[in-house]
Amino acid sequence: MAARARYKRGSSLQNRLGIFLSIIVVFMLFTVVSVKSASLLEKEKEYQAKEDSLQKQIEEETQRSEEIAEFETYTQTRKYIEDVARDKLGLVYPGEIIFKDEDQGK
């Protein structure tokens, strides 16, 4: 009978120790998961900011591309040729009168 009581007491002590160790392991796992989760959230914020920045750059480059395409179309028109001839070469149509500011003549 004494052997049985010792066995029962030892078994109870082992059960308590097992439960205690299990609780510690679960707590440690919870802590590790929480820390990793926080770092992943921080990385997600960084990546979102980078994505927003890149999206803005894409929009700016798209707009710039459209402006270049418009300018290319404009350079192939008669209006562009006339503007360049007037501004760069000083050409005018026959009978056309040009008025200049006094400041431009100096």
PDB file of N, CA and C in Angstrom:
ATOM      1  N   MET A   1       0.809  -1.176   0.000  1.00  0.00           N
ATOM      2  CA  MET A   1       0.000   0.000   0.000  1.00  0.00           C
ATOM      3  C   MET A   1       0.870   1.264   0.000  1.00  0.00           C
ATOM      4  N   ALA A   2       1.979   1.242   0.720  1.00  0.00           N
ATOM      5  CA  ALA A   2       2.866   2.399   0.799  1.00  0.00           C
ATOM      6  C   ALA A   2       3.478   2.694  -0.564  1.00  0.00           C
ATOM      7  N   ALA A   3       3.735   1.650  -1.325  1.00  0.00           N
ATOM      8  CA  ALA A   3       4.305   1.845  -2.654  1.00  0.00           C
ATOM      9  C   ALA A   3       3.298   2.542  -3.568  1.00  0.00           C
ATOM     10  N   ARG A   4       2.017   2.160  -3.375  1.00  0.00           N
ATOM     11  CA  ARG A   4       0.976   2.786  -4.175  1.00  0.00           C
ATOM     12  C   ARG A   4       0.823   4.265  -3.836  1.00  0.00           C
ATOM     13  N   ALA A   5       0.926   4.631  -2.577  1.00  0.00           N
ATOM     14  CA  ALA A   5       0.796   6.032  -2.150  1.00  0.00           C
ATOM     15  C   ALA A   5       1.951   6.854  -2.706  1.00  0.00           C
ATOM     16  N   ARG A   6       3.141   6.271  -2.683  1.00  0.00           N
ATOM     17  CA  ARG A   6       4.289   6.978  -3.255  1.00  0.00           C
ATOM     18  C   ARG A   6       4.106   7.173  -4.762  1.00  0.00           C
ATOM     19  N   TYR A   7       3.608   6.122  -5.397  1.00  0.00           N
ATOM     20  CA  TYR A   7       3.393   6.209  -6.832  1.00  0.00           C
ATOM     21  C   TYR A   7       2.366   7.287  -7.157  1.00  0.00           C
ATOM     22  N   LYS A   8       1.294   7.337  -6.364  1.00  0.00           N
ATOM     23  CA  LYS A   8       0.258   8.323  -6.575  1.00  0.00           C
ATOM     24  C   LYS A   8       0.802   9.730  -6.336  1.00  0.00           C
ATOM     25  N   ARG A   9       1.576   9.932  -5.267  1.00  0.00           N
ATOM     26  CA  ARG A   9       2.148  11.229  -4.962  1.00  0.00           C
ATOM     27  C   ARG A   9       3.148  11.644  -6.044  1.00  0.00           C
ATOM     28  N   GLY A  10       3.967  10.719  -6.498  1.00  0.00           N
ATOM     29  CA  GLY A  10       4.936  11.000  -7.556  1.00  0.00           C
ATOM     30  C   GLY A  10       4.230  11.310  -8.864  1.00  0.00           C
ATOM     31  N   SER A  11       3.156  10.613  -9.129  1.00  0.00           N
ATOM     32  CA  SER A  11       2.397  10.848 -10.348  1.00  0.00           C
ATOM     33  C   SER A  11       1.758  12.234 -10.311  1.00  0.00           C
ATOM     34  N   SER A  12       1.246  12.619  -9.151  1.00  0.00           N
ATOM     35  CA  SER A  12       0.621  13.939  -9.002  1.00  0.00           C
ATOM     36  C   SER A  12       1.666  15.040  -9.187  1.00  0.00           C
ATOM     37  N   LEU A  13       2.856  14.828  -8.644  1.00  0.00           N
ATOM     38  CA  LEU A  13       3.934  15.796  -8.789  1.00  0.00           C
ATOM     39  C   LEU A  13       4.358  15.897 -10.255  1.00  0.00           C
ATOM     40  N   GLN A  14       4.415  14.775 -10.946  1.00  0.00           N
ATOM     41  CA  GLN A  14       4.769  14.779 -12.363  1.00  0.00           C
ATOM     42  C   GLN A  14       3.694  15.487 -13.186  1.00  0.00           C
ATOM     43  N   ASN A  15       2.429  15.270 -12.831  1.00  0.00           N
ATOM     44  CA  ASN A  15       1.347  15.941 -13.554  1.00  0.00           C
ATOM     45  C   ASN A  15       1.446  17.449 -13.374  1.00  0.00           C
ATOM     46  N   ARG A  16       1.683  17.905 -12.158  1.00  0.00           N
ATOM     47  CA  ARG A  16       1.813  19.342 -11.913  1.00  0.00           C
ATOM     48  C   ARG A  16       3.016  19.926 -12.663  1.00  0.00           C
ATOM     49  N   LEU A  17       4.116  19.217 -12.615  1.00  0.00           N
ATOM     50  CA  LEU A  17       5.307  19.666 -13.324  1.00  0.00           C
ATOM     51  C   LEU A  17       5.045  19.713 -14.833  1.00  0.00           C
ATOM     52  N   GLY A  18       4.379  18.720 -15.354  1.00  0.00           N
ATOM     53  CA  GLY A  18       4.041  18.680 -16.783  1.00  0.00           C
ATOM     54  C   GLY A  18       3.126  19.837 -17.172  1.00  0.00           C
ATOM     55  N   ILE A  19       2.135  20.113 -16.360  1.00  0.00           N
ATOM     56  CA  ILE A  19       1.217  21.232 -16.625  1.00  0.00           C
ATOM     57  C   ILE A  19       1.984  22.549 -16.563  1.00  0.00           C
ATOM     58  N   PHE A  20       2.831  22.696 -15.560  1.00  0.00           N
ATOM     59  CA  PHE A  20       3.618  23.926 -15.409  1.00  0.00           C
ATOM     60  C   PHE A  20       4.523  24.146 -16.618  1.00  0.00           C
ATOM     61  N   LEU A  21       5.201  23.098 -17.061  1.00  0.00           N
ATOM     62  CA  LEU A  21       6.082  23.209 -18.229  1.00  0.00           C
ATOM     63  C   LEU A  21       5.271  23.501 -19.496  1.00  0.00           C
ATOM     64  N   SER A  22       4.110  22.885 -19.606  1.00  0.00           N
ATOM     65  CA  SER A  22       3.246  23.143 -20.753  1.00  0.00           C
ATOM     66  C   SER A  22       2.810  24.608 -20.783  1.00  0.00           C
ATOM     67  N   ILE A  23       2.460  25.163 -19.631  1.00  0.00           N
ATOM     68  CA  ILE A  23       2.052  26.563 -19.543  1.00  0.00           C
ATOM     69  C   ILE A  23       3.216  27.471 -19.932  1.00  0.00           C
ATOM     70  N   ILE A  24       4.408  27.147 -19.482  1.00  0.00           N
ATOM     71  CA  ILE A  24       5.587  27.952 -19.836  1.00  0.00           C
ATOM     72  C   ILE A  24       5.833  27.907 -21.339  1.00  0.00           C
ATOM     73  N   VAL A  25       5.738  26.719 -21.930  1.00  0.00           N
ATOM     74  CA  VAL A  25       5.954  26.581 -23.374  1.00  0.00           C
ATOM     75  C   VAL A  25       4.903  27.387 -24.143  1.00  0.00           C
ATOM     76  N   VAL A  26       3.656  27.291 -23.743  1.00  0.00           N
ATOM     77  CA  VAL A  26       2.592  28.044 -24.423  1.00  0.00           C
ATOM     78  C   VAL A  26       2.830  29.543 -24.274  1.00  0.00           C
ATOM     79  N   PHE A  27       3.225  29.992 -23.097  1.00  0.00           N
ATOM     80  CA  PHE A  27       3.503  31.410 -22.873  1.00  0.00           C
ATOM     81  C   PHE A  27       4.667  31.874 -23.750  1.00  0.00           C
ATOM     82  N   MET A  28       5.716  31.064 -23.854  1.00  0.00           N
ATOM     83  CA  MET A  28       6.861  31.424 -24.685  1.00  0.00           C
ATOM     84  C   MET A  28       6.456  31.492 -26.163  1.00  0.00           C
ATOM     85  N   LEU A  29       5.660  30.532 -26.614  1.00  0.00           N
ATOM     86  CA  LEU A  29       5.189  30.552 -27.996  1.00  0.00           C
ATOM     87  C   LEU A  29       4.339  31.802 -28.252  1.00  0.00           C
ATOM     88  N   PHE A  30       3.479  32.134 -27.323  1.00  0.00           N
ATOM     89  CA  PHE A  30       2.641  33.328 -27.452  1.00  0.00           C
ATOM     90  C   PHE A  30       3.509  34.577 -27.543  1.00  0.00           C
ATOM     91  N   THR A  31       4.557  34.650 -26.731  1.00  0.00           N
ATOM     92  CA  THR A  31       5.453  35.806 -26.739  1.00  0.00           C
ATOM     93  C   THR A  31       6.181  35.920 -28.077  1.00  0.00           C
ATOM     94  N   VAL A  32       6.702  34.817 -28.570  1.00  0.00           N
ATOM     95  CA  VAL A  32       7.432  34.819 -29.843  1.00  0.00           C
ATOM     96  C   VAL A  32       6.501  35.224 -30.984  1.00  0.00           C
ATOM     97  N   VAL A  33       5.305  34.676 -31.018  1.00  0.00           N
ATOM     98  CA  VAL A  33       4.345  35.005 -32.069  1.00  0.00           C
ATOM     99  C   VAL A  33       3.970  36.485 -31.992  1.00  0.00           C
ATOM    100  N   SER A  34       3.799  37.023 -30.804  1.00  0.00           N
ATOM    101  CA  SER A  34       3.452  38.437 -30.642  1.00  0.00           C
ATOM    102  C   SER A  34       4.567  39.336 -31.160  1.00  0.00           C
ATOM    103  N   VAL A  35       5.813  39.018 -30.821  1.00  0.00           N
ATOM    104  CA  VAL A  35       6.948  39.826 -31.269  1.00  0.00           C
ATOM    105  C   VAL A  35       7.075  39.771 -32.791  1.00  0.00           C
ATOM    106  N   LYS A  36       6.966  38.588 -33.353  1.00  0.00           N
ATOM    107  CA  LYS A  36       7.071  38.439 -34.809  1.00  0.00           C
ATOM    108  C   LYS A  36       5.916  39.161 -35.503  1.00  0.00           C
ATOM    109  N   SER A  37       4.751  39.097 -34.933  1.00  0.00           N
ATOM    110  CA  SER A  37       3.593  39.772 -35.502  1.00  0.00           C
ATOM    111  C   SER A  37       3.806  41.280 -35.533  1.00  0.00           C
ATOM    112  N   ALA A  38       4.361  41.823 -34.475  1.00  0.00           N
ATOM    113  CA  ALA A  38       4.632  43.264 -34.424  1.00  0.00           C
ATOM    114  C   ALA A  38       5.652  43.663 -35.487  1.00  0.00           C
ATOM    115  N   SER A  39       6.688  42.868 -35.658  1.00  0.00           N
ATOM    116  CA  SER A  39       7.698  43.207 -36.663  1.00  0.00           C
ATOM    117  C   SER A  39       7.122  43.080 -38.073  1.00  0.00           C
ATOM    118  N   LEU A  40       6.255  42.112 -38.291  1.00  0.00           N
ATOM    119  CA  LEU A  40       5.619  41.969 -39.602  1.00  0.00           C
ATOM    120  C   LEU A  40       4.697  43.142 -39.899  1.00  0.00           C
ATOM    121  N   LEU A  41       3.997  43.632 -38.904  1.00  0.00           N
ATOM    122  CA  LEU A  41       3.139  44.804 -39.100  1.00  0.00           C
ATOM    123  C   LEU A  41       3.967  46.032 -39.458  1.00  0.00           C
ATOM    124  N   GLU A  42       5.113  46.174 -38.825  1.00  0.00           N
ATOM    125  CA  GLU A  42       6.007  47.298 -39.126  1.00  0.00           C
ATOM    126  C   GLU A  42       6.519  47.199 -40.566  1.00  0.00           C
ATOM    127  N   LYS A  43       6.905  46.008 -40.989  1.00  0.00           N
ATOM    128  CA  LYS A  43       7.367  45.810 -42.364  1.00  0.00           C
ATOM    129  C   LYS A  43       6.241  46.093 -43.353  1.00  0.00           C
ATOM    130  N   GLU A  44       5.033  45.690 -42.992  1.00  0.00           N
ATOM    131  CA  GLU A  44       3.887  45.940 -43.877  1.00  0.00           C
ATOM    132  C   GLU A  44       3.684  47.441 -44.069  1.00  0.00           C
ATOM    133  N   LYS A  45       3.833  48.230 -42.998  1.00  0.00           N
ATOM    134  CA  LYS A  45       3.707  49.686 -43.106  1.00  0.00           C
ATOM    135  C   LYS A  45       4.795  50.256 -44.019  1.00  0.00           C
ATOM    136  N   GLU A  46       6.017  49.773 -43.872  1.00  0.00           N
ATOM    137  CA  GLU A  46       7.121  50.235 -44.718  1.00  0.00           C
ATOM    138  C   GLU A  46       6.852  49.916 -46.187  1.00  0.00           C
ATOM    139  N   TYR A  47       6.410  48.690 -46.457  1.00  0.00           N
ATOM    140  CA  TYR A  47       6.134  48.291 -47.832  1.00  0.00           C
ATOM    141  C   TYR A  47       4.968  49.079 -48.414  1.00  0.00           C
ATOM    142  N   GLN A  48       3.968  49.384 -47.595  1.00  0.00           N
ATOM    143  CA  GLN A  48       2.831  50.173 -48.068  1.00  0.00           C
ATOM    144  C   GLN A  48       3.280  51.582 -48.434  1.00  0.00           C
ATOM    145  N   ALA A  49       4.155  52.169 -47.616  1.00  0.00           N
ATOM    146  CA  ALA A  49       4.675  53.511 -47.913  1.00  0.00           C
ATOM    147  C   ALA A  49       5.491  53.477 -49.206  1.00  0.00           C
ATOM    148  N   LYS A  50       6.306  52.435 -49.376  1.00  0.00           N
ATOM    149  CA  LYS A  50       7.104  52.308 -50.597  1.00  0.00           C
ATOM    150  C   LYS A  50       6.199  52.124 -51.812  1.00  0.00           C
ATOM    151  N   GLU A  51       5.160  51.327 -51.664  1.00  0.00           N
ATOM    152  CA  GLU A  51       4.220  51.114 -52.765  1.00  0.00           C
ATOM    153  C   GLU A  51       3.521  52.419 -53.151  1.00  0.00           C
ATOM    154  N   ASP A  52       3.105  53.208 -52.153  1.00  0.00           N
ATOM    155  CA  ASP A  52       2.464  54.496 -52.418  1.00  0.00           C
ATOM    156  C   ASP A  52       3.418  55.431 -53.163  1.00  0.00           C
ATOM    157  N   SER A  53       4.673  55.453 -52.736  1.00  0.00           N
ATOM    158  CA  SER A  53       5.668  56.296 -53.390  1.00  0.00           C
ATOM    159  C   SER A  53       5.876  55.873 -54.845  1.00  0.00           C
ATOM    160  N   LEU A  54       5.983  54.587 -55.078  1.00  0.00           N
ATOM    161  CA  LEU A  54       6.177  54.088 -56.435  1.00  0.00           C
ATOM    162  C   LEU A  54       4.953  54.353 -57.307  1.00  0.00           C
ATOM    163  N   GLN A  55       3.765  54.232 -56.717  1.00  0.00           N
ATOM    164  CA  GLN A  55       2.547  54.511 -57.470  1.00  0.00           C
ATOM    165  C   GLN A  55       2.497  55.977 -57.882  1.00  0.00           C
ATOM    166  N   LYS A  56       2.936  56.869 -56.996  1.00  0.00           N
ATOM    167  CA  LYS A  56       2.981  58.294 -57.319  1.00  0.00           C
ATOM    168  C   LYS A  56       3.974  58.551 -58.458  1.00  0.00           C
ATOM    169  N   GLN A  57       5.124  57.889 -58.406  1.00  0.00           N
ATOM    170  CA  GLN A  57       6.108  58.035 -59.478  1.00  0.00           C
ATOM    171  C   GLN A  57       5.553  57.542 -60.806  1.00  0.00           C
ATOM    172  N   ILE A  58       4.808  56.452 -60.781  1.00  0.00           N
ATOM    173  CA  ILE A  58       4.206  55.920 -62.007  1.00  0.00           C
ATOM    174  C   ILE A  58       3.238  56.939 -62.592  1.00  0.00           C
ATOM    175  N   GLU A  59       2.415  57.541 -61.728  1.00  0.00           N
ATOM    176  CA  GLU A  59       1.456  58.533 -62.201  1.00  0.00           C
ATOM    177  C   GLU A  59       2.173  59.750 -62.798  1.00  0.00           C
ATOM    178  N   GLU A  60       3.243  60.209 -62.137  1.00  0.00           N
ATOM    179  CA  GLU A  60       4.000  61.346 -62.648  1.00  0.00           C
ATOM    180  C   GLU A  60       4.632  61.027 -64.000  1.00  0.00           C
ATOM    181  N   GLU A  61       5.206  59.846 -64.138  1.00  0.00           N
ATOM    182  CA  GLU A  61       5.834  59.456 -65.391  1.00  0.00           C
ATOM    183  C   GLU A  61       4.791  59.262 -66.501  1.00  0.00           C
ATOM    184  N   THR A  62       3.617  58.772 -66.141  1.00  0.00           N
ATOM    185  CA  THR A  62       2.547  58.631 -67.125  1.00  0.00           C
ATOM    186  C   THR A  62       2.125  60.003 -67.636  1.00  0.00           C
ATOM    187  N   GLN A  63       1.976  60.954 -66.717  1.00  0.00           N
ATOM    188  CA  GLN A  63       1.611  62.314 -67.103  1.00  0.00           C
ATOM    189  C   GLN A  63       2.700  62.929 -67.984  1.00  0.00           C
ATOM    190  N   ARG A  64       3.941  62.729 -67.602  1.00  0.00           N
ATOM    191  CA  ARG A  64       5.063  63.251 -68.389  1.00  0.00           C
ATOM    192  C   ARG A  64       5.076  62.641 -69.790  1.00  0.00           C
ATOM    193  N   SER A  65       4.803  61.360 -69.873  1.00  0.00           N
ATOM    194  CA  SER A  65       4.748  60.672 -71.162  1.00  0.00           C
ATOM    195  C   SER A  65       3.643  61.255 -72.040  1.00  0.00           C
ATOM    196  N   GLU A  66       2.506  61.550 -71.436  1.00  0.00           N
ATOM    197  CA  GLU A  66       1.403  62.153 -72.188  1.00  0.00           C
ATOM    198  C   GLU A  66       1.793  63.544 -72.692  1.00  0.00           C
ATOM    199  N   GLU A  67       2.471  64.317 -71.844  1.00  0.00           N
ATOM    200  CA  GLU A  67       2.920  65.649 -72.254  1.00  0.00           C
ATOM    201  C   GLU A  67       3.913  65.565 -73.408  1.00  0.00           C
ATOM    202  N   ILE A  68       4.811  64.607 -73.349  1.00  0.00           N
ATOM    203  CA  ILE A  68       5.781  64.423 -74.433  1.00  0.00           C
ATOM    204  C   ILE A  68       5.070  64.028 -75.723  1.00  0.00           C
ATOM    205  N   ALA A  69       4.073  63.159 -75.620  1.00  0.00           N
ATOM    206  CA  ALA A  69       3.318  62.744 -76.807  1.00  0.00           C
ATOM    207  C   ALA A  69       2.568  63.940 -77.404  1.00  0.00           C
ATOM    208  N   GLU A  70       1.996  64.775 -76.540  1.00  0.00           N
ATOM    209  CA  GLU A  70       1.304  65.975 -77.025  1.00  0.00           C
ATOM    210  C   GLU A  70       2.291  66.926 -77.707  1.00  0.00           C
ATOM    211  N   PHE A  71       3.463  67.102 -77.111  1.00  0.00           N
ATOM    212  CA  PHE A  71       4.464  67.981 -77.705  1.00  0.00           C
ATOM    213  C   PHE A  71       4.939  67.438 -79.048  1.00  0.00           C
ATOM    214  N   GLU A  72       5.097  66.126 -79.119  1.00  0.00           N
ATOM    215  CA  GLU A  72       5.514  65.506 -80.375  1.00  0.00           C
ATOM    216  C   GLU A  72       4.476  65.755 -81.458  1.00  0.00           C
ATOM    217  N   THR A  73       3.214  65.632 -81.102  1.00  0.00           N
ATOM    218  CA  THR A  73       2.150  65.911 -82.066  1.00  0.00           C
ATOM    219  C   THR A  73       2.179  67.382 -82.480  1.00  0.00           C
ATOM    220  N   TYR A  74       2.390  68.267 -81.510  1.00  0.00           N
ATOM    221  CA  TYR A  74       2.442  69.709 -81.780  1.00  0.00           C
ATOM    222  C   TYR A  74       3.608  70.060 -82.706  1.00  0.00           C
ATOM    223  N   THR A  75       4.756  69.407 -82.514  1.00  0.00           N
ATOM    224  CA  THR A  75       5.927  69.726 -83.341  1.00  0.00           C
ATOM    225  C   THR A  75       5.734  69.334 -84.792  1.00  0.00           C
ATOM    226  N   GLN A  76       4.741  68.525 -85.077  1.00  0.00           N
ATOM    227  CA  GLN A  76       4.492  68.105 -86.452  1.00  0.00           C
ATOM    228  C   GLN A  76       3.404  68.948 -87.126  1.00  0.00           C
ATOM    229  N   THR A  77       2.995  70.035 -86.474  1.00  0.00           N
ATOM    230  CA  THR A  77       1.949  70.876 -87.043  1.00  0.00           C
ATOM    231  C   THR A  77       2.543  72.123 -87.688  1.00  0.00           C
ATOM    232  N   ARG A  78       1.742  72.752 -88.529  1.00  0.00           N
ATOM    233  CA  ARG A  78       2.137  73.992 -89.190  1.00  0.00           C
ATOM    234  C   ARG A  78       2.279  75.108 -88.155  1.00  0.00           C
ATOM    235  N   LYS A  79       1.439  75.104 -87.122  1.00  0.00           N
ATOM    236  CA  LYS A  79       1.483  76.124 -86.077  1.00  0.00           C
ATOM    237  C   LYS A  79       2.855  76.133 -85.403  1.00  0.00           C
ATOM    238  N   TYR A  80       3.405  74.965 -85.134  1.00  0.00           N
ATOM    239  CA  TYR A  80       4.725  74.874 -84.496  1.00  0.00           C
ATOM    240  C   TYR A  80       5.793  75.483 -85.405  1.00  0.00           C
ATOM    241  N   ILE A  81       5.718  75.149 -86.676  1.00  0.00           N
ATOM    242  CA  ILE A  81       6.713  75.670 -87.633  1.00  0.00           C
ATOM    243  C   ILE A  81       6.646  77.193 -87.673  1.00  0.00           C
ATOM    244  N   GLU A  82       5.429  77.742 -87.680  1.00  0.00           N
ATOM    245  CA  GLU A  82       5.274  79.195 -87.685  1.00  0.00           C
ATOM    246  C   GLU A  82       5.819  79.823 -86.405  1.00  0.00           C
ATOM    247  N   ASP A  83       5.516  79.206 -85.279  1.00  0.00           N
ATOM    248  CA  ASP A  83       5.994  79.737 -83.994  1.00  0.00           C
ATOM    249  C   ASP A  83       7.519  79.751 -83.934  1.00  0.00           C
ATOM    250  N   VAL A  84       8.149  78.686 -84.376  1.00  0.00           N
ATOM    251  CA  VAL A  84       9.609  78.614 -84.359  1.00  0.00           C
ATOM    252  C   VAL A  84      10.192  79.642 -85.327  1.00  0.00           C
ATOM    253  N   ALA A  85       9.576  79.794 -86.505  1.00  0.00           N
ATOM    254  CA  ALA A  85      10.074  80.760 -87.487  1.00  0.00           C
ATOM    255  C   ALA A  85       9.972  82.180 -86.931  1.00  0.00           C
ATOM    256  N   ARG A  86       8.914  82.483 -86.222  1.00  0.00           N
ATOM    257  CA  ARG A  86       8.752  83.823 -85.646  1.00  0.00           C
ATOM    258  C   ARG A  86       9.741  84.051 -84.499  1.00  0.00           C
ATOM    259  N   ASP A  87       9.793  83.101 -83.564  1.00  0.00           N
ATOM    260  CA  ASP A  87      10.607  83.287 -82.350  1.00  0.00           C
ATOM    261  C   ASP A  87      12.106  83.188 -82.623  1.00  0.00           C
ATOM    262  N   LYS A  88      12.517  82.191 -83.337  1.00  0.00           N
ATOM    263  CA  LYS A  88      13.951  81.934 -83.510  1.00  0.00           C
ATOM    264  C   LYS A  88      14.557  82.705 -84.687  1.00  0.00           C
ATOM    265  N   LEU A  89      13.776  82.785 -85.756  1.00  0.00           N
ATOM    266  CA  LEU A  89      14.320  83.384 -86.961  1.00  0.00           C
ATOM    267  C   LEU A  89      13.818  84.810 -87.222  1.00  0.00           C
ATOM    268  N   GLY A  90      12.769  85.217 -86.500  1.00  0.00           N
ATOM    269  CA  GLY A  90      12.231  86.564 -86.682  1.00  0.00           C
ATOM    270  C   GLY A  90      11.486  86.742 -87.992  1.00  0.00           C
ATOM    271  N   LEU A  91      11.006  85.667 -88.580  1.00  0.00           N
ATOM    272  CA  LEU A  91      10.283  85.753 -89.847  1.00  0.00           C
ATOM    273  C   LEU A  91       8.840  86.195 -89.611  1.00  0.00           C
ATOM    274  N   VAL A  92       8.289  86.907 -90.605  1.00  0.00           N
ATOM    275  CA  VAL A  92       6.898  87.364 -90.546  1.00  0.00           C
ATOM    276  C   VAL A  92       6.264  87.181 -91.911  1.00  0.00           C
ATOM    277  N   TYR A  93       4.947  87.210 -91.938  1.00  0.00           N
ATOM    278  CA  TYR A  93       4.230  87.168 -93.218  1.00  0.00           C
ATOM    279  C   TYR A  93       4.375  88.515 -93.913  1.00  0.00           C
ATOM    280  N   PRO A  94       4.313  88.538 -95.237  1.00  0.00           N
ATOM    281  CA  PRO A  94       4.401  89.817 -95.961  1.00  0.00           C
ATOM    282  C   PRO A  94       3.255  90.745 -95.538  1.00  0.00           C
ATOM    283  N   GLY A  95       3.576  91.998 -95.293  1.00  0.00           N
ATOM    284  CA  GLY A  95       2.593  92.986 -94.903  1.00  0.00           C
ATOM    285  C   GLY A  95       2.251  92.965 -93.413  1.00  0.00           C
ATOM    286  N   GLU A  96       2.854  92.079 -92.664  1.00  0.00           N
ATOM    287  CA  GLU A  96       2.572  91.978 -91.228  1.00  0.00           C
ATOM    288  C   GLU A  96       3.429  92.984 -90.481  1.00  0.00           C
ATOM    289  N   ILE A  97       2.826  93.640 -89.515  1.00  0.00           N
ATOM    290  CA  ILE A  97       3.547  94.653 -88.736  1.00  0.00           C
ATOM    291  C   ILE A  97       3.828  94.076 -87.353  1.00  0.00           C
ATOM    292  N   ILE A  98       5.068  94.238 -86.897  1.00  0.00           N
ATOM    293  CA  ILE A  98       5.465  93.731 -85.587  1.00  0.00           C
ATOM    294  C   ILE A  98       5.744  94.914 -84.675  1.00  0.00           C
ATOM    295  N   PHE A  99       5.135  94.878 -83.518  1.00  0.00           N
ATOM    296  CA  PHE A  99       5.373  95.912 -82.508  1.00  0.00           C
ATOM    297  C   PHE A  99       6.281  95.321 -81.442  1.00  0.00           C
ATOM    298  N   LYS A 100       7.336  96.051 -81.096  1.00  0.00           N
ATOM    299  CA  LYS A 100       8.279  95.590 -80.083  1.00  0.00           C
ATOM    300  C   LYS A 100       8.242  96.535 -78.899  1.00  0.00           C
ATOM    301  N   ASP A 101       8.472  95.999 -77.727  1.00  0.00           N
ATOM    302  CA  ASP A 101       8.600  96.841 -76.531  1.00  0.00           C
ATOM    303  C   ASP A 101       9.912  97.601 -76.623  1.00  0.00           C
ATOM    304  N   GLU A 102       9.956  98.738 -75.958  1.00  0.00           N
ATOM    305  CA  GLU A 102      11.200  99.505 -75.942  1.00  0.00           C
ATOM    306  C   GLU A 102      12.316  98.735 -75.255  1.00  0.00           C
ATOM    307  N   ASP A 103      11.963  97.940 -74.259  1.00  0.00           N
ATOM    308  CA  ASP A 103      12.960  97.176 -73.516  1.00  0.00           C
ATOM    309  C   ASP A 103      13.588  96.077 -74.375  1.00  0.00           C
ATOM    310  N   GLN A 104      12.856  95.546 -75.329  1.00  0.00           N
ATOM    311  CA  GLN A 104      13.396  94.476 -76.178  1.00  0.00           C
ATOM    312  C   GLN A 104      14.457  94.981 -77.133  1.00  0.00           C
ATOM    313  N   GLY A 105      14.364  96.243 -77.557  1.00  0.00           N
ATOM    314  CA  GLY A 105      15.328  96.770 -78.517  1.00  0.00           C
ATOM    315  C   GLY A 105      16.687  96.998 -77.897  1.00  0.00           C
ATOM    316  N   LYS A 106      16.775  97.077 -76.606  1.00  0.00           N
ATOM    317  CA  LYS A 106      18.056  97.359 -75.936  1.00  0.00           C
ATOM    318  C   LYS A 106      18.847  96.139 -75.691  1.00  0.00           C
TER     319      LYS A 106
END
